[in-house]
Amino acid sequence: MLLLETKNLAKHFGGLKALDGIDMRIERERIVSIIGPNGAGKTTFFNCITGMYQPTKGKAIFHDRDITGMSPHDITSLGVARTFQNSRLFSGMTVVENVMVAAHCRTSAGVFGAIFRPRRVKKEERDMEYRAMDILKFAGLEAKYGSLAANLSYGDQRRLEIARALGTEPHLLLLDEPAAGMNPQETQELMNLIRRVRDNGVAILLIEHDMKVVMGISDRVIVLDHGVKIAEGPPKDIQRNNDVIEAYLGKESLYHA
């Protein structure tokens, strides 16, 4: 079933066409990876979907609703969450507090409740903490719940970013280079986590340069080059696509299992 669709989505910065007419469809419970050389428009595409950028033209439709130009907060409330290339954790907060902050978008306390904290708000906060602990257990971080985010290993910080995004209860999760800087063990743990997220009903849209990750977990791969989609298909087809090989790695093969 279709979850997200973009139609002729474009973003221009003056004379630079960072995105130029991208048509894309993301189905429920699928892992779709976006690859391409640096400057291909991958993160710009994420920013247009999540409200960080206003597209120059075209549409993004989520759950049959046009979200083009909506604010990031409103798009998150509809069920779209994301991580970023660089860590944006609240380093001075504990692990569980980082997830609870994200979960606040699903609460109804308001300003009055936050100040006076009536019984209803206190119950909501307890429920939110229980939910955050469930997410940390799911991500394999429950033992670190009381640790400061700044004290986590790099791999655990990246997993916490995913856990925090899950705190918003998304239907679609956008991951921007989640494996960057990870060692092989951390990368394998990340791949297992992404699969579990997908198996729990969340669609994944992934930007990643690690081809072992892309080819190992993706249901479908989309290739961008200079803001244009040049290929789309199952991982094995993408590996054999001459246009992709030339655009992404010159004449070298992408990845051989």
Protein backbone atom coordinates (compact mmCIF):
# COMPACT_ATOMS: atom_id res chain seq x y z
CA MET A 1 0.00 0.00 0.00
CA LEU A 2 1.34 3.42 -0.96
CA LEU A 3 2.59 5.60 1.91
CA LEU A 4 4.59 8.44 0.35
CA GLU A 5 4.63 9.75 -3.19
CA THR A 6 6.52 12.63 -4.75
CA LYS A 7 5.46 14.11 -8.09
CA ASN A 8 7.91 16.17 -10.14
CA LEU A 9 9.58 17.35 -6.91
CA ALA A 10 12.24 19.98 -7.56
CA LYS A 11 14.43 22.33 -5.54
CA HIS A 12 16.48 25.07 -7.17
CA PHE A 13 19.02 27.31 -5.48
CA GLY A 14 19.34 30.13 -7.96
CA GLY A 15 20.62 28.49 -11.14
CA LEU A 16 21.56 25.26 -9.36
CA LYS A 17 19.01 22.47 -9.74
CA ALA A 18 19.64 20.42 -6.60
CA LEU A 19 16.55 18.34 -7.41
CA ASP A 20 14.98 18.27 -10.84
CA GLY A 21 11.61 16.55 -11.13
CA ILE A 22 11.80 13.54 -8.80
CA ASP A 23 8.95 11.01 -8.97
CA MET A 24 9.12 8.47 -6.17
CA ARG A 25 6.76 6.03 -4.42
CA ILE A 26 7.36 4.46 -1.01
CA GLU A 27 5.14 1.60 0.13
CA ARG A 28 4.35 0.57 3.70
CA GLU A 29 6.77 -1.77 5.49
CA ARG A 30 9.51 -1.42 2.88
CA ILE A 31 13.16 -0.38 3.07
CA VAL A 32 14.04 1.94 0.19
CA SER A 33 17.59 3.27 -0.16
CA ILE A 34 18.66 6.39 -2.03
CA ILE A 35 22.22 6.37 -3.33
CA GLY A 36 24.30 8.62 -5.52
CA PRO A 37 27.55 10.60 -5.51
CA ASN A 38 28.05 13.60 -3.24
CA GLY A 39 25.92 16.49 -4.43
CA ALA A 40 23.37 14.22 -6.08
CA GLY A 41 20.48 15.80 -4.13
CA LYS A 42 19.83 13.06 -1.57
CA THR A 43 19.72 15.19 1.58
CA THR A 44 17.93 17.97 -0.30
CA PHE A 45 15.23 15.43 -1.11
CA PHE A 46 14.92 14.56 2.60
CA ASN A 47 14.72 18.25 3.49
CA CYS A 48 11.91 18.84 1.00
CA ILE A 49 9.90 15.89 2.34
CA THR A 50 10.31 16.88 6.00
CA GLY A 51 9.56 20.59 5.63
CA MET A 52 13.11 21.86 6.07
CA TYR A 53 13.02 23.23 2.51
CA GLN A 54 10.13 24.58 0.48
CA PRO A 55 10.24 22.79 -2.91
CA THR A 56 10.52 24.99 -5.99
CA LYS A 57 7.84 22.90 -7.66
CA GLY A 58 6.15 19.54 -7.41
CA LYS A 59 4.36 17.78 -4.57
CA ALA A 60 4.99 15.40 -1.68
CA ILE A 61 1.94 13.35 -0.69
CA PHE A 62 1.86 11.36 2.53
CA HIS A 63 -1.12 9.19 3.50
CA ASP A 64 -3.05 10.80 0.61
CA ARG A 65 -2.41 14.25 2.08
CA ASP A 66 -0.37 16.96 0.36
CA ILE A 67 2.42 17.86 2.81
CA THR A 68 4.31 20.13 0.42
CA GLY A 69 5.49 23.22 2.29
CA MET A 70 4.11 22.16 5.67
CA SER A 71 6.19 22.87 8.77
CA PRO A 72 8.56 20.17 10.10
CA HIS A 73 6.50 19.96 13.30
CA ASP A 74 3.25 19.34 11.44
CA ILE A 75 4.85 16.74 9.17
CA THR A 76 6.26 14.94 12.22
CA SER A 77 2.82 14.91 13.82
CA LEU A 78 1.45 13.18 10.71
CA GLY A 79 3.94 10.34 11.13
CA VAL A 80 7.21 11.22 9.40
CA ALA A 81 10.44 11.14 11.43
CA ARG A 82 14.09 11.51 10.47
CA THR A 83 17.68 11.39 11.63
CA PHE A 84 20.51 13.58 10.36
CA GLN A 85 24.02 13.06 9.01
CA ASN A 86 25.49 14.70 12.11
CA SER A 87 24.38 13.75 15.60
CA ARG A 88 21.73 16.06 17.06
CA LEU A 89 21.21 14.33 20.40
CA PHE A 90 20.64 16.31 23.57
CA SER A 91 24.04 15.42 25.00
CA GLY A 92 23.31 16.76 28.50
CA MET A 93 20.15 14.63 28.84
CA THR A 94 19.95 10.97 29.70
CA VAL A 95 19.21 8.33 27.11
CA VAL A 96 15.61 7.88 28.26
CA GLU A 97 15.05 11.65 28.40
CA ASN A 98 16.14 11.97 24.75
CA VAL A 99 13.41 9.54 23.72
CA MET A 100 10.83 11.16 26.01
CA VAL A 101 11.48 14.56 24.43
CA ALA A 102 10.55 13.12 21.04
CA ALA A 103 7.43 11.50 22.47
CA HIS A 104 6.11 14.89 23.61
CA CYS A 105 4.65 15.43 20.13
CA ARG A 106 2.08 12.74 21.06
CA THR A 107 1.06 14.31 24.38
CA SER A 108 -1.70 16.81 25.12
CA ALA A 109 -0.37 18.63 28.19
CA GLY A 110 -0.15 22.12 26.69
CA VAL A 111 1.33 25.14 28.47
CA PHE A 112 -1.04 24.95 31.46
CA GLY A 113 -0.33 21.29 32.05
CA ALA A 114 3.44 21.76 31.73
CA ILE A 115 3.39 24.49 34.40
CA PHE A 116 0.87 23.13 36.93
CA ARG A 117 1.25 19.40 36.17
CA PRO A 118 -2.22 18.13 37.21
CA ARG A 119 -2.82 14.42 37.79
CA ARG A 120 -3.66 13.80 34.15
CA VAL A 121 -0.35 15.27 33.01
CA LYS A 122 1.63 13.27 35.57
CA LYS A 123 0.01 10.05 34.34
CA GLU A 124 0.79 11.02 30.77
CA GLU A 125 4.45 11.56 31.71
CA ARG A 126 4.64 8.15 33.40
CA ASP A 127 3.11 6.49 30.37
CA MET A 128 5.59 8.35 28.17
CA GLU A 129 8.52 7.06 30.23
CA TYR A 130 7.21 3.48 29.99
CA ARG A 131 6.90 3.89 26.24
CA ALA A 132 10.43 5.33 26.03
CA MET A 133 11.80 2.33 27.95
CA ASP A 134 10.03 -0.04 25.54
CA ILE A 135 11.68 1.73 22.62
CA LEU A 136 15.11 1.58 24.28
CA LYS A 137 14.66 -2.15 24.86
CA PHE A 138 13.70 -2.54 21.21
CA ALA A 139 16.88 -0.69 20.20
CA GLY A 140 19.08 -2.63 22.61
CA LEU A 141 19.78 0.41 24.79
CA GLU A 142 17.70 -0.32 27.89
CA ALA A 143 20.83 -0.87 30.03
CA LYS A 144 22.00 2.67 29.18
CA TYR A 145 18.71 4.42 29.98
CA GLY A 146 20.20 6.55 32.79
CA SER A 147 23.47 7.39 31.04
CA LEU A 148 24.09 10.79 29.54
CA ALA A 149 23.80 10.69 25.77
CA ALA A 150 27.26 12.30 25.54
CA ASN A 151 28.81 9.30 27.31
CA LEU A 152 27.54 6.69 24.84
CA SER A 153 29.78 5.04 22.28
CA TYR A 154 29.44 6.35 18.74
CA GLY A 155 27.44 3.32 17.62
CA ASP A 156 25.07 3.63 20.58
CA GLN A 157 24.57 7.33 19.85
CA ARG A 158 23.51 6.52 16.32
CA ARG A 159 21.08 3.89 17.58
CA LEU A 160 19.73 6.37 20.13
CA GLU A 161 18.99 8.78 17.30
CA ILE A 162 16.84 6.10 15.70
CA ALA A 163 15.19 5.32 19.05
CA ARG A 164 14.42 8.99 19.55
CA ALA A 165 12.87 9.20 16.08
CA LEU A 166 10.75 6.15 16.93
CA GLY A 167 9.49 8.05 19.98
CA THR A 168 7.38 10.18 17.63
CA GLU A 169 5.54 7.00 16.55
CA PRO A 170 6.27 7.37 12.84
CA HIS A 171 4.84 5.49 9.89
CA LEU A 172 7.83 6.57 7.79
CA LEU A 173 11.40 6.88 9.10
CA LEU A 174 14.05 8.74 7.10
CA LEU A 175 17.65 7.82 7.97
CA ASP A 176 20.44 10.03 6.65
CA GLU A 177 23.70 8.04 6.50
CA PRO A 178 23.12 6.13 9.76
CA ALA A 179 26.14 3.82 9.24
CA ALA A 180 28.67 6.61 8.66
CA GLY A 181 31.71 6.11 10.90
CA MET A 182 30.61 2.76 12.29
CA ASN A 183 32.84 -0.28 12.65
CA PRO A 184 31.69 -3.61 11.13
CA GLN A 185 30.05 -4.88 14.34
CA GLU A 186 28.17 -1.62 14.87
CA THR A 187 27.09 -1.66 11.24
CA GLN A 188 25.68 -5.18 11.55
CA GLU A 189 23.77 -4.21 14.71
CA LEU A 190 22.39 -1.19 12.87
CA MET A 191 21.23 -3.33 9.94
CA ASN A 192 19.47 -5.70 12.34
CA LEU A 193 17.75 -2.74 14.03
CA ILE A 194 16.57 -1.27 10.72
CA ARG A 195 15.09 -4.62 9.73
CA ARG A 196 13.26 -4.87 13.06
CA VAL A 197 11.84 -1.38 12.58
CA ARG A 198 10.56 -2.40 9.13
CA ASP A 199 9.15 -5.66 10.49
CA ASN A 200 7.21 -3.65 13.07
CA GLY A 201 5.32 -1.81 10.38
CA VAL A 202 7.45 1.29 9.74
CA ALA A 203 8.63 2.13 6.23
CA ILE A 204 12.29 3.16 5.93
CA LEU A 205 13.77 5.66 3.48
CA LEU A 206 17.54 5.46 3.74
CA ILE A 207 20.45 7.53 2.45
CA GLU A 208 23.64 5.52 2.74
CA HIS A 209 27.09 5.30 1.14
CA ASP A 210 27.95 1.88 2.57
CA MET A 211 26.97 -0.42 -0.27
CA LYS A 212 27.03 -3.52 1.92
CA VAL A 213 24.29 -1.93 4.02
CA VAL A 214 22.31 -0.76 0.98
CA MET A 215 22.48 -4.05 -0.87
CA GLY A 216 22.01 -6.09 2.29
CA ILE A 217 18.76 -4.60 3.61
CA SER A 218 16.99 -2.73 0.80
CA ASP A 219 13.82 -3.88 -0.89
CA ARG A 220 14.40 -1.26 -3.58
CA VAL A 221 17.18 1.17 -4.47
CA ILE A 222 16.81 4.59 -6.08
CA VAL A 223 19.80 6.31 -7.66
CA LEU A 224 20.17 10.08 -8.00
CA ASP A 225 22.80 11.94 -9.98
CA HIS A 226 22.93 15.74 -10.24
CA GLY A 227 19.38 16.00 -8.90
CA VAL A 228 17.89 13.53 -11.39
CA LYS A 229 16.70 9.97 -10.80
CA ILE A 230 18.74 7.78 -13.15
CA ALA A 231 17.72 4.31 -11.95
CA GLU A 232 15.35 2.45 -9.64
CA GLY A 233 14.88 -1.22 -8.89
CA PRO A 234 15.85 -4.22 -6.75
CA PRO A 235 19.44 -4.20 -5.41
CA LYS A 236 20.66 -6.87 -7.83
CA ASP A 237 19.40 -4.90 -10.82
CA ILE A 238 21.05 -1.72 -9.57
CA GLN A 239 24.38 -3.54 -9.15
CA ARG A 240 24.32 -4.47 -12.84
CA ASN A 241 23.12 -1.10 -14.15
CA ASN A 242 25.88 0.45 -16.27
CA ASP A 243 24.57 4.01 -15.84
CA VAL A 244 24.67 3.60 -12.07
CA ILE A 245 28.14 2.11 -12.07
CA GLU A 246 29.50 4.93 -14.20
CA ALA A 247 27.77 7.71 -12.24
CA TYR A 248 28.48 6.37 -8.79
CA LEU A 249 31.85 4.64 -8.99
CA GLY A 250 33.23 5.31 -12.43
CA LYS A 251 33.72 1.98 -14.17
CA GLU A 252 34.07 -0.05 -10.98
CA SER A 253 31.44 -2.52 -9.73
CA LEU A 254 29.21 -1.34 -6.89
CA TYR A 255 29.40 -4.36 -4.64
CA HIS A 256 29.85 -8.06 -5.08
CA ALA A 257 28.29 -10.31 -2.43
